[in-house]
Amino acid sequence: MTGVSESSQQRGNLKDNRYITLLDLNPNSLAAASKRIGVNRINHVLQHDIYMPLPDSEKGQYDTVSMYYLLHCLRGNMHEKALIIKHASQALTDSGTLHGATILGKDVEHNWLGRYLMNIYNKKGIFCNYADSYDDLKEVLDRYFKDVTIKQYGTVAVFKATNKKQGN
């Protein structure tokens, strides 16, 4: 996961324009993202498995957490991926926003090319989204946030979740 997050602490310092934190298990992904974004914009790079709890220093620190085209690449069904949503919610400030997009695999109609690529990517372990549905995504987001919006564009679900629930 390469997560891009804005830290409310860094945003307040006008002399320091570094406000992005990158998080990923893969050091190559972190290096590529750092190069693309530019080190002058990056506050913190964290090599971490998002299935594991975040360090306490990362909890409640971010105004936004982005998960664009991430969930369909993670192992497990959407209910197993709920742990990722939980950890992301813990990183957010009380007024923070989680947003992202994912490719759905269940209850959607992929065109022939989409079906072909889904089969290849799922067999290779690049994707794990055969069982990912809009309803399951909504249920998981609702578990951790009070306000959830999901818009579906073909096979892609674009989501925004705010007002995190306390105690999760």
Protein backbone atom coordinates (compact mmCIF):
# COMPACT_ATOMS: atom_id res chain seq x y z
CA MET A 1 0.00 0.00 0.00
CA THR A 2 1.32 3.38 -0.85
CA GLY A 3 -0.79 5.64 1.28
CA VAL A 4 -0.59 9.37 0.83
CA SER A 5 -1.65 11.34 3.86
CA GLU A 6 -1.58 14.95 4.88
CA SER A 7 -0.47 15.63 8.41
CA SER A 8 -2.30 18.42 10.18
CA GLN A 9 0.85 19.08 12.19
CA GLN A 10 2.99 19.68 9.11
CA ARG A 11 0.34 21.73 7.29
CA GLY A 12 0.47 24.36 10.03
CA ASN A 13 4.15 25.08 9.42
CA LEU A 14 4.16 27.38 6.40
CA LYS A 15 7.95 27.29 6.04
CA ASP A 16 7.92 23.51 5.69
CA ASN A 17 5.88 22.41 2.67
CA ARG A 18 6.49 18.71 3.30
CA TYR A 19 3.12 17.25 4.19
CA ILE A 20 2.89 13.81 2.63
CA THR A 21 3.50 10.54 4.42
CA LEU A 22 4.00 7.41 2.33
CA LEU A 23 3.27 3.97 3.73
CA ASP A 24 3.91 0.68 1.96
CA LEU A 25 5.32 -2.72 2.76
CA ASN A 26 7.43 -2.73 -0.43
CA PRO A 27 10.57 -0.55 -0.30
CA ASN A 28 10.64 -0.40 -4.12
CA SER A 29 7.13 1.09 -4.18
CA LEU A 30 8.13 3.62 -1.55
CA ALA A 31 11.23 4.61 -3.54
CA ALA A 32 9.26 4.96 -6.78
CA ALA A 33 6.53 7.03 -5.11
CA SER A 34 9.10 9.23 -3.37
CA LYS A 35 10.86 9.91 -6.64
CA ARG A 36 7.63 10.72 -8.44
CA ILE A 37 6.26 13.00 -5.71
CA GLY A 38 9.57 14.66 -4.91
CA VAL A 39 11.37 14.47 -1.59
CA ASN A 40 10.68 18.15 -0.91
CA ARG A 41 6.97 17.30 -0.46
CA ILE A 42 7.44 14.22 1.72
CA ASN A 43 7.34 14.46 5.48
CA HIS A 44 7.70 10.80 6.40
CA VAL A 45 8.21 7.42 4.70
CA LEU A 46 7.08 4.37 6.61
CA GLN A 47 7.73 0.80 5.49
CA HIS A 48 4.89 -1.05 7.19
CA ASP A 49 2.42 -3.91 6.69
CA ILE A 50 -1.02 -2.27 6.85
CA TYR A 51 -2.47 -5.56 8.14
CA MET A 52 -0.48 -4.86 11.32
CA PRO A 53 -1.47 -2.12 13.80
CA LEU A 54 0.08 1.25 13.11
CA PRO A 55 2.72 2.59 15.48
CA ASP A 56 1.16 4.85 18.13
CA SER A 57 3.07 7.79 16.66
CA GLU A 58 0.96 7.51 13.47
CA LYS A 59 -2.46 7.34 15.13
CA GLY A 60 -4.71 10.38 14.98
CA GLN A 61 -2.16 12.34 12.95
CA TYR A 62 -3.65 12.68 9.46
CA ASP A 63 -6.36 14.81 7.91
CA THR A 64 -6.64 12.49 4.91
CA VAL A 65 -5.70 8.95 4.02
CA SER A 66 -5.81 7.93 0.37
CA MET A 67 -6.37 4.37 -0.81
CA TYR A 68 -6.74 4.70 -4.56
CA TYR A 69 -6.62 1.37 -6.37
CA LEU A 70 -5.32 -0.43 -3.31
CA LEU A 71 -8.00 -2.66 -1.79
CA HIS A 72 -8.40 -4.92 -4.83
CA CYS A 73 -4.67 -5.71 -4.63
CA LEU A 74 -4.75 -6.85 -1.00
CA ARG A 75 -5.27 -10.46 0.05
CA GLY A 76 -8.58 -11.70 1.38
CA ASN A 77 -12.21 -10.83 0.84
CA MET A 78 -13.61 -7.43 1.75
CA HIS A 79 -14.46 -8.55 5.30
CA GLU A 80 -10.83 -9.61 5.80
CA LYS A 81 -9.71 -6.29 4.32
CA ALA A 82 -11.77 -4.53 7.02
CA LEU A 83 -8.63 -4.55 9.14
CA ILE A 84 -6.98 -2.20 6.64
CA ILE A 85 -9.93 0.19 6.89
CA LYS A 86 -9.72 -0.02 10.68
CA HIS A 87 -6.02 0.84 10.69
CA ALA A 88 -6.55 3.69 8.23
CA SER A 89 -9.33 5.12 10.41
CA GLN A 90 -7.01 5.03 13.42
CA ALA A 91 -4.45 7.13 11.53
CA LEU A 92 -7.02 9.88 10.94
CA THR A 93 -7.84 12.87 13.11
CA ASP A 94 -11.43 12.95 14.37
CA SER A 95 -12.43 15.11 11.41
CA GLY A 96 -10.24 13.24 8.91
CA THR A 97 -11.29 11.71 5.61
CA LEU A 98 -10.54 8.34 4.06
CA HIS A 99 -10.94 8.25 0.31
CA GLY A 100 -10.04 5.92 -2.49
CA ALA A 101 -11.14 3.68 -5.31
CA THR A 102 -11.15 -0.05 -5.89
CA ILE A 103 -12.02 -2.43 -8.69
CA LEU A 104 -14.96 -4.63 -7.76
CA GLY A 105 -15.08 -8.28 -8.74
CA LYS A 106 -18.52 -9.42 -7.55
CA ASP A 107 -21.97 -8.32 -8.77
CA VAL A 108 -20.45 -6.25 -11.59
CA GLU A 109 -20.15 -6.81 -15.33
CA HIS A 110 -16.60 -6.67 -16.63
CA ASN A 111 -16.17 -6.44 -20.39
CA TRP A 112 -14.17 -9.17 -22.13
CA LEU A 113 -10.85 -7.39 -21.59
CA GLY A 114 -11.68 -6.72 -17.95
CA ARG A 115 -12.60 -10.40 -17.40
CA TYR A 116 -9.38 -11.48 -19.09
CA LEU A 117 -7.23 -9.16 -16.98
CA MET A 118 -9.13 -10.01 -13.79
CA ASN A 119 -8.41 -13.70 -14.37
CA ILE A 120 -4.72 -13.13 -15.07
CA TYR A 121 -4.17 -10.70 -12.18
CA ASN A 122 -6.08 -12.81 -9.67
CA LYS A 123 -4.22 -15.98 -10.71
CA LYS A 124 -0.87 -14.20 -10.37
CA GLY A 125 -1.83 -12.75 -6.99
CA ILE A 126 -1.64 -9.15 -8.21
CA PHE A 127 -5.37 -8.77 -7.51
CA CYS A 128 -7.52 -10.49 -4.92
CA ASN A 129 -10.95 -9.11 -5.70
CA TYR A 130 -13.20 -11.84 -7.09
CA ALA A 131 -15.36 -11.59 -3.94
CA ASP A 132 -15.20 -7.79 -3.51
CA SER A 133 -18.64 -6.22 -3.88
CA TYR A 134 -20.13 -2.76 -3.47
CA ASP A 135 -22.31 -3.97 -0.60
CA ASP A 136 -19.38 -5.50 1.28
CA LEU A 137 -17.31 -2.34 0.81
CA LYS A 138 -20.20 -0.23 2.12
CA GLU A 139 -20.66 -2.52 5.12
CA VAL A 140 -16.98 -2.35 6.03
CA LEU A 141 -16.76 1.44 5.66
CA ASP A 142 -19.96 1.87 7.70
CA ARG A 143 -18.36 -0.15 10.50
CA TYR A 144 -15.67 2.51 11.04
CA PHE A 145 -17.25 5.75 9.76
CA LYS A 146 -20.55 7.57 10.30
CA ASP A 147 -20.62 9.23 6.88
CA VAL A 148 -19.87 7.08 3.84
CA THR A 149 -20.32 7.91 0.17
CA ILE A 150 -19.63 5.40 -2.60
CA LYS A 151 -20.14 6.06 -6.27
CA GLN A 152 -19.81 3.24 -8.74
CA TYR A 153 -18.48 3.83 -12.24
CA GLY A 154 -18.72 0.57 -14.14
CA THR A 155 -16.64 -1.87 -12.09
CA VAL A 156 -14.89 0.79 -10.00
CA ALA A 157 -16.15 1.99 -6.62
CA VAL A 158 -14.96 5.45 -5.58
CA PHE A 159 -15.43 6.06 -1.87
CA LYS A 160 -15.20 8.77 0.75
CA ALA A 161 -15.62 8.17 4.48
CA THR A 162 -15.63 10.81 7.21
CA ASN A 163 -16.63 11.25 10.84
CA LYS A 164 -14.90 8.16 12.15
CA LYS A 165 -16.60 6.15 14.85
CA GLN A 166 -14.85 6.17 18.20
CA GLY A 167 -13.68 3.00 19.89
CA ASN A 168 -12.63 1.14 16.74
